[in-house]
């Protein structure tokens, strides 16, 4: 690998064990991690420019990286690359209360931005489950969503403008800080969700809104999956949509109860969690939601009166990932289907689990149809690994057959590269490759991610 330029050589990680810790993200993959790569921990925008100037001149691949919370392998190193970590670009440069935006570096942690906005009476909507650790750069790269997407949308709904460093070191700016702006193509939208395949985001201008009221929670128990879906549909049609609407299926409930007693009945078909944060109307909304859920067939509905009760109702949801991991390694799926097909999707996943002899707890963001089946397997058992990956592909194909998409918020990364063509088709794959080449003519940005290698 060509020697790093003198400006960024001091930013390189010399310790081989520390360097190898940057090889992977949070995704489970079938291939061993890369071993031969450099890691540069950028301290400012000029470091990023220097790395990308050097990379273009030498044809060296670059893997942009933040906190490595990706579940799709989008931030994993590849042999011969420079891992360009931008966690240290973590400044909140400005919060403009009048115009309603924040200017932040890519290393700012999602939760820190939320807290900074709240101190000014403002609110930033996207809330991935890893919000206490994931960074804004990664959220932009994957167009991250989260628990409150049903009301507040995904990252792209909150990004007004970006500063991006392109291969070769050119500084590019997209978007605008004004309330309106339609000058030229929407290149901001192009970069949000591009998973580091076009350039490196070094600054984001993010929309902020007036802060809502503190949310309260209701929990509904169903003995029928169809009744749970009916409850979801009723809440979606409510004129004041919930700020959170989550589903936990029977297998997930049992996993949570095996981990600890969180008050869920073991024999239910599904649990729904719903919240309101509408200023001045939280209790009113929750009462109406509870009535809708009972009319849909809920056998029990618990409504929180205060923040402490609200957190108690959410406690099982918060430990769910830990409960799944206690059962073994898991492949975290991320398929989004039309809300009206959620029942078909969950039943289909149950059938896949039986056919492939794997355990697949299903939970996720019921309000927008984005579920996260967790395919549990034993990594030391080759047959278990093979069955898990077969089930992974089955779930993706099931989602597509129901009119869905292969990824709602995690991104394609490396994990879903084999299936992208099933959704896009050959012509669209070719068109998107040509679009990538406009910004990255040598193909050095995050190669092997999103698109298959080769033509």
Protein backbone atom coordinates (compact mmCIF):
# COMPACT_ATOMS: atom_id res chain seq x y z
CA UNK A 1 0.00 0.00 0.00
CA UNK A 2 1.42 3.45 -0.89
CA UNK A 3 2.81 5.43 2.03
CA UNK A 4 0.33 7.84 3.62
CA UNK A 5 0.89 11.57 3.02
CA UNK A 6 2.87 13.33 5.74
CA UNK A 7 -0.08 15.41 6.92
CA UNK A 8 -2.15 12.40 7.95
CA UNK A 9 0.61 9.92 8.80
CA UNK A 10 0.45 11.00 12.49
CA UNK A 11 -3.28 10.18 12.44
CA UNK A 12 -2.61 6.56 11.41
CA UNK A 13 -3.10 3.81 13.97
CA UNK A 14 0.26 2.12 14.51
CA UNK A 15 -0.70 -0.56 17.04
CA UNK A 16 -1.74 -3.64 15.01
CA UNK A 17 -4.22 -4.89 17.60
CA UNK A 18 -5.94 -1.51 17.81
CA UNK A 19 -5.95 -1.28 14.02
CA UNK A 20 -7.67 -4.66 13.70
CA UNK A 21 -10.44 -3.47 16.02
CA UNK A 22 -11.53 -1.19 13.15
CA UNK A 23 -11.96 -4.14 10.76
CA UNK A 24 -15.62 -4.84 11.45
CA UNK A 25 -18.87 -3.15 12.39
CA UNK A 26 -21.88 -4.64 14.22
CA UNK A 27 -22.95 -6.88 11.32
CA UNK A 28 -22.72 -10.65 11.28
CA UNK A 29 -21.08 -11.74 8.02
CA UNK A 30 -20.06 -14.98 6.33
CA UNK A 31 -16.55 -13.81 5.43
CA UNK A 32 -13.58 -13.33 7.78
CA UNK A 33 -12.55 -9.75 8.57
CA UNK A 34 -9.88 -7.96 6.56
CA UNK A 35 -6.35 -8.00 7.95
CA UNK A 36 -4.29 -5.76 5.66
CA UNK A 37 -5.43 -2.14 5.86
CA UNK A 38 -4.53 1.24 7.31
CA UNK A 39 -6.63 3.26 9.75
CA UNK A 40 -6.55 7.05 9.72
CA UNK A 41 -8.42 8.83 12.51
CA UNK A 42 -9.17 12.23 11.01
CA UNK A 43 -9.10 15.24 13.32
CA UNK A 44 -10.41 17.88 10.91
CA UNK A 45 -11.72 18.37 7.38
CA UNK A 46 -8.21 18.93 6.03
CA UNK A 47 -7.28 15.40 7.13
CA UNK A 48 -10.20 14.02 5.12
CA UNK A 49 -9.18 16.09 2.09
CA UNK A 50 -5.58 14.82 2.33
CA UNK A 51 -6.64 11.17 2.55
CA UNK A 52 -8.96 11.45 -0.46
CA UNK A 53 -6.35 13.34 -2.51
CA UNK A 54 -3.88 10.55 -1.75
CA UNK A 55 -6.43 7.81 -2.41
CA UNK A 56 -7.36 9.19 -5.84
CA UNK A 57 -3.71 9.67 -6.82
CA UNK A 58 -2.73 6.14 -5.82
CA UNK A 59 -5.96 4.27 -6.58
CA UNK A 60 -6.27 3.23 -2.94
CA UNK A 61 -9.75 2.20 -1.72
CA UNK A 62 -11.25 4.22 1.16
CA UNK A 63 -13.78 2.95 3.70
CA UNK A 64 -15.47 5.84 5.58
CA UNK A 65 -16.25 4.89 9.13
CA UNK A 66 -17.89 6.29 12.25
CA UNK A 67 -18.96 4.45 15.39
CA UNK A 68 -19.26 1.10 13.57
CA UNK A 69 -22.83 0.39 14.72
CA UNK A 70 -23.87 -0.70 11.21
CA UNK A 71 -25.84 -3.95 11.06
CA UNK A 72 -25.20 -4.36 7.31
CA UNK A 73 -21.41 -4.42 7.03
CA UNK A 74 -21.26 -1.00 5.40
CA UNK A 75 -18.41 0.20 7.61
CA UNK A 76 -16.27 -2.96 7.50
CA UNK A 77 -12.69 -2.70 6.26
CA UNK A 78 -11.47 -4.36 3.08
CA UNK A 79 -7.93 -5.58 2.40
CA UNK A 80 -5.69 -2.89 0.91
CA UNK A 81 -7.95 -0.01 1.97
CA UNK A 82 -7.61 3.05 4.14
CA UNK A 83 -10.25 3.07 6.86
CA UNK A 84 -11.04 6.76 7.29
CA UNK A 85 -12.59 7.19 10.72
CA UNK A 86 -14.31 10.55 11.32
CA UNK A 87 -15.57 10.07 14.89
CA UNK A 88 -13.37 12.95 16.09
CA UNK A 89 -15.21 15.43 13.83
CA UNK A 90 -17.76 15.69 16.61
CA UNK A 91 -18.43 19.40 16.96
CA UNK A 92 -21.92 20.89 17.13
CA UNK A 93 -20.99 24.06 15.30
CA UNK A 94 -24.28 25.91 15.57
CA UNK A 95 -27.88 25.61 16.67
CA UNK A 96 -30.00 28.29 15.05
CA UNK A 97 -33.22 28.57 17.04
CA UNK A 98 -34.86 31.06 14.69
CA UNK A 99 -34.22 29.19 11.44
CA UNK A 100 -34.56 25.79 13.10
CA UNK A 101 -31.41 23.91 12.21
CA UNK A 102 -28.17 22.52 13.65
CA UNK A 103 -24.78 22.41 11.92
CA UNK A 104 -22.84 19.35 13.09
CA UNK A 105 -19.84 17.21 12.29
CA UNK A 106 -20.27 13.57 11.25
CA UNK A 107 -18.89 12.29 14.55
CA UNK A 108 -21.64 13.85 16.67
CA UNK A 109 -23.55 11.12 18.51
CA UNK A 110 -27.28 11.12 17.77
CA UNK A 111 -28.23 11.34 21.46
CA UNK A 112 -25.86 14.26 22.06
CA UNK A 113 -27.51 16.21 19.25
CA UNK A 114 -30.94 15.46 20.70
CA UNK A 115 -29.84 16.71 24.12
CA UNK A 116 -28.26 19.85 22.66
CA UNK A 117 -31.42 20.58 20.67
CA UNK A 118 -33.60 19.99 23.76
CA UNK A 119 -31.58 22.52 25.75
CA UNK A 120 -32.77 25.11 23.20
CA UNK A 121 -36.37 23.88 23.29
CA UNK A 122 -35.93 22.08 19.96
CA UNK A 123 -36.14 18.51 18.73
CA UNK A 124 -34.29 16.24 16.28
CA UNK A 125 -36.50 13.38 15.10
CA UNK A 126 -34.47 10.36 13.89
CA UNK A 127 -33.88 7.92 16.75
CA UNK A 128 -32.11 4.66 15.81
CA UNK A 129 -32.06 2.01 18.55
CA UNK A 130 -28.30 2.70 18.85
CA UNK A 131 -28.94 6.44 19.35
CA UNK A 132 -26.66 6.63 22.40
CA UNK A 133 -23.66 5.48 20.34
CA UNK A 134 -24.35 5.90 16.60
CA UNK A 135 -23.11 9.03 14.87
CA UNK A 136 -24.77 11.49 12.50
CA UNK A 137 -22.36 10.60 9.69
CA UNK A 138 -23.45 6.98 9.84
CA UNK A 139 -27.10 8.00 10.14
CA UNK A 140 -26.73 10.05 6.95
CA UNK A 141 -24.85 7.26 5.20
CA UNK A 142 -27.61 4.71 5.82
CA UNK A 143 -30.61 7.07 5.96
CA UNK A 144 -31.22 5.73 9.46
CA UNK A 145 -34.68 5.63 10.97
CA UNK A 146 -35.69 4.32 14.37
CA UNK A 147 -38.57 3.83 16.75
CA UNK A 148 -40.35 7.11 15.97
CA UNK A 149 -40.37 6.95 12.17
CA UNK A 150 -44.14 6.51 12.12
CA UNK A 151 -44.48 10.19 13.00
CA UNK A 152 -41.10 11.77 12.36
CA UNK A 153 -39.74 9.95 9.34
CA UNK A 154 -36.13 9.01 8.60
CA UNK A 155 -32.85 10.92 8.41
CA UNK A 156 -33.48 12.19 4.86
CA UNK A 157 -36.52 14.08 6.16
CA UNK A 158 -34.24 16.10 8.46
CA UNK A 159 -31.14 16.80 6.33
CA UNK A 160 -31.12 20.27 4.76
CA UNK A 161 -27.55 20.46 3.45
CA UNK A 162 -24.25 18.60 3.46
CA UNK A 163 -20.55 19.23 3.07
CA UNK A 164 -18.96 16.25 1.33
CA UNK A 165 -15.36 15.53 0.36
CA UNK A 166 -15.18 13.75 -2.99
CA UNK A 167 -12.46 11.38 -4.22
CA UNK A 168 -9.51 13.59 -5.12
CA UNK A 169 -10.20 15.95 -2.22
CA UNK A 170 -12.74 18.33 -3.77
CA UNK A 171 -15.03 19.96 -1.21
CA UNK A 172 -18.66 19.81 -2.34
CA UNK A 173 -21.66 21.50 -0.74
CA UNK A 174 -25.26 20.50 -1.32
CA UNK A 175 -28.64 21.82 -0.25
CA UNK A 176 -29.49 25.05 1.57
CA UNK A 177 -30.14 26.48 5.02
CA UNK A 178 -33.25 28.41 4.04
CA UNK A 179 -36.77 27.14 4.63
CA UNK A 180 -37.20 26.62 0.89
CA UNK A 181 -34.85 25.93 -1.99
CA UNK A 182 -35.24 24.17 -5.33
CA UNK A 183 -32.15 25.38 -7.19
CA UNK A 184 -30.74 22.47 -9.17
CA UNK A 185 -30.99 18.74 -8.58
CA UNK A 186 -31.45 17.36 -5.06
CA UNK A 187 -27.91 16.13 -4.51
CA UNK A 188 -28.44 16.16 -0.75
CA UNK A 189 -31.00 13.41 -1.20
CA UNK A 190 -28.56 11.49 -3.38
CA UNK A 191 -25.88 11.43 -0.70
CA UNK A 192 -28.23 10.50 2.14
CA UNK A 193 -28.30 6.71 2.08
CA UNK A 194 -25.32 6.37 -0.28
CA UNK A 195 -23.35 4.40 2.37
CA UNK A 196 -20.01 6.11 1.75
CA UNK A 197 -19.87 5.04 -1.90
CA UNK A 198 -19.80 8.60 -3.30
CA UNK A 199 -17.78 10.66 -0.81
CA UNK A 200 -17.24 11.44 2.87
CA UNK A 201 -19.71 13.65 4.74
CA UNK A 202 -17.82 16.17 6.90
CA UNK A 203 -20.69 18.44 7.92
CA UNK A 204 -24.49 18.23 8.01
CA UNK A 205 -27.13 20.91 8.36
CA UNK A 206 -30.08 19.25 10.09
CA UNK A 207 -33.63 20.50 10.53
CA UNK A 208 -34.89 21.00 14.08
CA UNK A 209 -38.48 21.38 15.24
CA UNK A 210 -40.08 22.73 18.43
CA UNK A 211 -39.81 20.09 21.14
CA UNK A 212 -42.89 17.88 21.71
CA UNK A 213 -44.21 16.99 25.15
CA UNK A 214 -42.59 14.10 27.06
CA UNK A 215 -44.05 10.90 25.62
CA UNK A 216 -46.21 8.45 27.52
CA UNK A 217 -46.71 4.77 26.64
CA UNK A 218 -49.54 2.28 26.30
CA UNK A 219 -49.01 -1.48 25.97
CA UNK A 220 -51.59 -3.74 24.31
CA UNK A 221 -51.65 -7.55 24.38
CA UNK A 222 -53.24 -9.57 21.56
CA UNK A 223 -54.04 -13.26 21.28
CA UNK A 224 -54.37 -12.95 17.49
CA UNK A 225 -51.87 -11.62 14.97
CA UNK A 226 -54.70 -10.40 12.75
CA UNK A 227 -56.14 -8.41 15.65
CA UNK A 228 -52.73 -6.83 16.30
CA UNK A 229 -52.48 -5.78 12.65
CA UNK A 230 -56.01 -4.37 12.85
CA UNK A 231 -54.86 -2.31 15.83
CA UNK A 232 -51.86 -1.02 13.86
CA UNK A 233 -54.08 -0.03 10.95
CA UNK A 234 -56.51 1.77 13.26
CA UNK A 235 -53.69 3.78 14.84
CA UNK A 236 -52.22 4.63 11.43
CA UNK A 237 -55.61 6.04 10.41
CA UNK A 238 -55.97 8.15 13.53
CA UNK A 239 -55.83 11.89 12.70
CA UNK A 240 -53.13 12.33 15.37
CA UNK A 241 -50.66 9.59 14.55
CA UNK A 242 -48.64 8.04 17.42
CA UNK A 243 -45.02 9.03 17.87
CA UNK A 244 -44.06 5.36 18.38
CA UNK A 245 -45.75 2.12 17.34
CA UNK A 246 -43.79 -1.10 17.89
CA UNK A 247 -44.71 -4.76 17.56
CA UNK A 248 -43.21 -7.68 19.49
CA UNK A 249 -44.23 -11.14 18.32
CA UNK A 250 -44.80 -14.31 20.34
CA UNK A 251 -41.23 -15.62 19.91
CA UNK A 252 -39.75 -12.26 20.91
CA UNK A 253 -41.99 -12.06 23.99
CA UNK A 254 -40.85 -15.50 25.10
CA UNK A 255 -37.20 -14.53 24.58
CA UNK A 256 -37.68 -11.39 26.68
CA UNK A 257 -39.47 -13.31 29.45
CA UNK A 258 -36.71 -15.95 29.45
CA UNK A 259 -34.20 -13.15 29.99
CA UNK A 260 -36.19 -11.57 32.84
CA UNK A 261 -39.74 -11.03 34.03
CA UNK A 262 -41.03 -7.91 32.28
CA UNK A 263 -44.69 -8.70 32.79
CA UNK A 264 -45.46 -10.01 29.30
CA UNK A 265 -47.82 -13.01 29.05
CA UNK A 266 -45.99 -15.97 27.48
CA UNK A 267 -49.03 -17.18 25.55
CA UNK A 268 -49.91 -13.99 23.63
CA UNK A 269 -49.61 -13.70 19.85
CA UNK A 270 -48.20 -10.17 19.87
CA UNK A 271 -47.67 -7.05 21.95
CA UNK A 272 -47.98 -3.50 20.64
CA UNK A 273 -46.29 -0.50 22.24
CA UNK A 274 -47.65 2.92 21.36
CA UNK A 275 -46.75 6.44 22.44
CA UNK A 276 -48.02 9.99 22.07
CA UNK A 277 -45.97 13.17 22.51
CA UNK A 278 -48.47 15.68 21.05
CA UNK A 279 -48.16 18.92 22.99
CA UNK A 280 -51.06 19.36 25.36
CA UNK A 281 -52.82 16.16 24.30
CA UNK A 282 -50.68 13.21 25.44
CA UNK A 283 -53.17 11.73 27.90
CA UNK A 284 -56.09 12.38 25.55
CA UNK A 285 -54.30 10.62 22.68
CA UNK A 286 -53.34 7.61 24.81
CA UNK A 287 -56.94 7.17 25.96
CA UNK A 288 -58.12 7.22 22.35
CA UNK A 289 -55.36 4.81 21.26
CA UNK A 290 -56.34 2.41 24.05
CA UNK A 291 -59.96 2.44 22.90
CA UNK A 292 -58.92 1.77 19.30
CA UNK A 293 -56.72 -1.13 20.38
CA UNK A 294 -59.49 -2.69 22.46
CA UNK A 295 -61.90 -2.35 19.54
CA UNK A 296 -59.35 -4.10 17.32
CA UNK A 297 -59.26 -7.07 19.70
CA UNK A 298 -56.66 -6.35 22.39
CA UNK A 299 -57.25 -8.62 25.39
CA UNK A 300 -55.45 -6.22 27.72
CA UNK A 301 -54.26 -2.60 27.49
CA UNK A 302 -52.07 -0.87 30.09
CA UNK A 303 -51.77 2.92 29.92
CA UNK A 304 -49.00 4.82 31.71
CA UNK A 305 -49.95 7.80 33.87
CA UNK A 306 -46.43 9.18 34.28
CA UNK A 307 -42.86 8.87 33.01
CA UNK A 308 -41.95 6.13 35.50
CA UNK A 309 -44.84 3.90 34.41
CA UNK A 310 -44.05 4.68 30.80
CA UNK A 311 -40.48 3.48 31.19
CA UNK A 312 -41.68 0.34 32.97
CA UNK A 313 -43.89 -0.54 30.00
CA UNK A 314 -40.96 0.01 27.62
CA UNK A 315 -38.46 -1.96 29.72
CA UNK A 316 -39.03 -5.23 27.86
CA UNK A 317 -38.53 -3.54 24.50
CA UNK A 318 -35.28 -1.98 25.66
CA UNK A 319 -33.73 -5.32 26.70
CA UNK A 320 -34.91 -7.17 23.61
CA UNK A 321 -31.60 -7.11 21.70
CA UNK A 322 -29.75 -8.33 24.79
CA UNK A 323 -32.33 -11.09 25.26
CA UNK A 324 -31.85 -12.24 21.66
CA UNK A 325 -28.06 -12.22 22.00
CA UNK A 326 -28.35 -14.41 25.10
CA UNK A 327 -29.78 -17.12 22.80
CA UNK A 328 -26.86 -17.02 20.32
CA UNK A 329 -25.44 -14.97 17.47
CA UNK A 330 -28.10 -13.34 15.31
CA UNK A 331 -28.54 -12.05 11.80
CA UNK A 332 -30.46 -8.81 12.18
CA UNK A 333 -32.88 -8.42 9.29
CA UNK A 334 -34.31 -5.10 8.11
CA UNK A 335 -37.17 -5.62 5.67
CA UNK A 336 -39.99 -3.11 5.16
CA UNK A 337 -43.40 -4.15 3.80
CA UNK A 338 -46.72 -2.34 3.37
CA UNK A 339 -48.38 -1.98 6.77
CA UNK A 340 -51.42 -3.92 5.59
CA UNK A 341 -49.21 -6.96 4.82
CA UNK A 342 -47.55 -7.16 8.25
CA UNK A 343 -49.64 -10.17 9.28
CA UNK A 344 -48.68 -12.05 6.11
CA UNK A 345 -45.04 -11.12 6.68
CA UNK A 346 -44.90 -12.35 10.28
CA UNK A 347 -46.74 -15.58 9.45
CA UNK A 348 -44.42 -16.14 6.51
CA UNK A 349 -41.38 -15.68 8.75
CA UNK A 350 -42.78 -18.23 11.20
CA UNK A 351 -43.09 -20.69 8.30
CA UNK A 352 -39.51 -19.97 7.20
CA UNK A 353 -38.26 -20.61 10.73
CA UNK A 354 -40.01 -23.97 10.81
CA UNK A 355 -38.83 -24.94 7.33
CA UNK A 356 -35.19 -23.96 7.99
CA UNK A 357 -35.17 -25.16 11.63
CA UNK A 358 -34.06 -21.79 12.97
CA UNK A 359 -35.46 -19.51 15.67
CA UNK A 360 -36.62 -16.13 14.26
CA UNK A 361 -38.03 -13.65 16.79
CA UNK A 362 -39.82 -10.80 14.98
CA UNK A 363 -40.15 -7.24 16.23
CA UNK A 364 -39.85 -3.76 14.87
CA UNK A 365 -41.47 -0.57 13.77
CA UNK A 366 -45.04 -1.63 13.10
CA UNK A 367 -46.17 1.89 12.33
CA UNK A 368 -44.19 2.01 9.10
CA UNK A 369 -43.99 -1.71 8.28
CA UNK A 370 -40.24 -1.96 8.97
CA UNK A 371 -39.59 -5.17 10.92
CA UNK A 372 -36.35 -6.62 12.27
CA UNK A 373 -36.52 -10.42 12.32
CA UNK A 374 -33.53 -11.79 14.25
CA UNK A 375 -32.28 -15.10 12.88
CA UNK A 376 -30.55 -16.89 15.77
CA UNK A 377 -27.77 -19.40 15.04
CA UNK A 378 -24.71 -21.12 16.50
CA UNK A 379 -21.56 -19.74 14.81
CA UNK A 380 -19.47 -22.83 15.58
CA UNK A 381 -21.97 -25.14 13.83
CA UNK A 382 -21.60 -24.95 10.01
CA UNK A 383 -25.08 -26.43 9.48
CA UNK A 384 -26.63 -23.85 11.80
CA UNK A 385 -24.81 -21.05 9.95
CA UNK A 386 -25.98 -22.35 6.57
CA UNK A 387 -29.59 -22.66 7.72
CA UNK A 388 -29.50 -19.13 9.12
CA UNK A 389 -28.26 -17.61 5.86
CA UNK A 390 -30.79 -19.61 3.86
CA UNK A 391 -33.50 -18.22 6.12
CA UNK A 392 -32.04 -14.72 5.71
CA UNK A 393 -32.50 -14.94 1.95
CA UNK A 394 -35.98 -16.43 2.34
CA UNK A 395 -37.08 -13.50 4.51
CA UNK A 396 -35.80 -10.98 1.95
CA UNK A 397 -37.60 -12.72 -0.89
CA UNK A 398 -40.78 -12.96 1.20
CA UNK A 399 -40.66 -9.22 1.82
CA UNK A 400 -40.22 -8.48 -1.88
CA UNK A 401 -43.13 -10.78 -2.75
CA UNK A 402 -45.34 -8.70 -0.45
CA UNK A 403 -44.43 -5.45 -2.19
CA UNK A 404 -41.65 -4.54 0.25
CA UNK A 405 -37.99 -3.55 0.12
CA UNK A 406 -34.86 -5.43 1.18
CA UNK A 407 -33.81 -2.71 3.64
CA UNK A 408 -35.77 -0.03 5.45
CA UNK A 409 -33.01 1.69 7.42
CA UNK A 410 -29.87 -0.43 7.88
CA UNK A 411 -28.65 -0.13 4.30
CA UNK A 412 -27.33 -2.72 1.87
CA UNK A 413 -23.71 -2.71 3.09
CA UNK A 414 -22.01 -5.99 2.25
CA UNK A 415 -24.65 -8.23 3.83
CA UNK A 416 -27.43 -7.59 1.27
CA UNK A 417 -25.35 -7.08 -1.87
CA UNK A 418 -26.50 -10.43 -3.37
CA UNK A 419 -30.14 -9.36 -3.19
CA UNK A 420 -30.05 -5.75 -4.39
CA UNK A 421 -30.52 -6.77 -8.02
CA UNK A 422 -33.72 -8.63 -7.10
CA UNK A 423 -35.30 -5.34 -6.11
CA UNK A 424 -33.75 -2.94 -8.61
CA UNK A 425 -33.37 -5.05 -11.75
CA UNK A 426 -30.49 -5.06 -14.21
CA UNK A 427 -31.26 -1.75 -15.92
CA UNK A 428 -31.53 0.17 -12.66
CA UNK A 429 -28.39 -1.46 -11.26
CA UNK A 430 -26.47 -0.33 -14.34
CA UNK A 431 -27.91 3.20 -14.11
CA UNK A 432 -26.93 3.52 -10.46
CA UNK A 433 -23.41 2.27 -11.17
CA UNK A 434 -23.05 4.99 -13.83
CA UNK A 435 -24.28 7.57 -11.33
CA UNK A 436 -21.66 6.42 -8.81
CA UNK A 437 -18.97 6.81 -11.46
CA UNK A 438 -19.84 10.51 -11.86
CA UNK A 439 -18.60 11.13 -8.32
CA UNK A 440 -16.16 8.22 -7.98
CA UNK A 441 -14.71 7.47 -11.43
CA UNK A 442 -12.02 5.10 -10.10
CA UNK A 443 -14.41 3.17 -7.87
CA UNK A 444 -12.33 3.71 -4.73
CA UNK A 445 -15.13 4.75 -2.37
CA UNK A 446 -16.23 1.87 -0.13
CA UNK A 447 -15.81 -0.80 -2.81
CA UNK A 448 -17.80 -4.00 -2.35
CA UNK A 449 -20.53 -2.17 -0.49
CA UNK A 450 -24.05 -1.78 -1.98
CA UNK A 451 -23.02 -3.02 -5.44
CA UNK A 452 -21.33 -6.32 -6.28
CA UNK A 453 -17.66 -6.00 -7.24
CA UNK A 454 -16.91 -6.21 -10.95
CA UNK A 455 -19.12 -5.07 -13.83
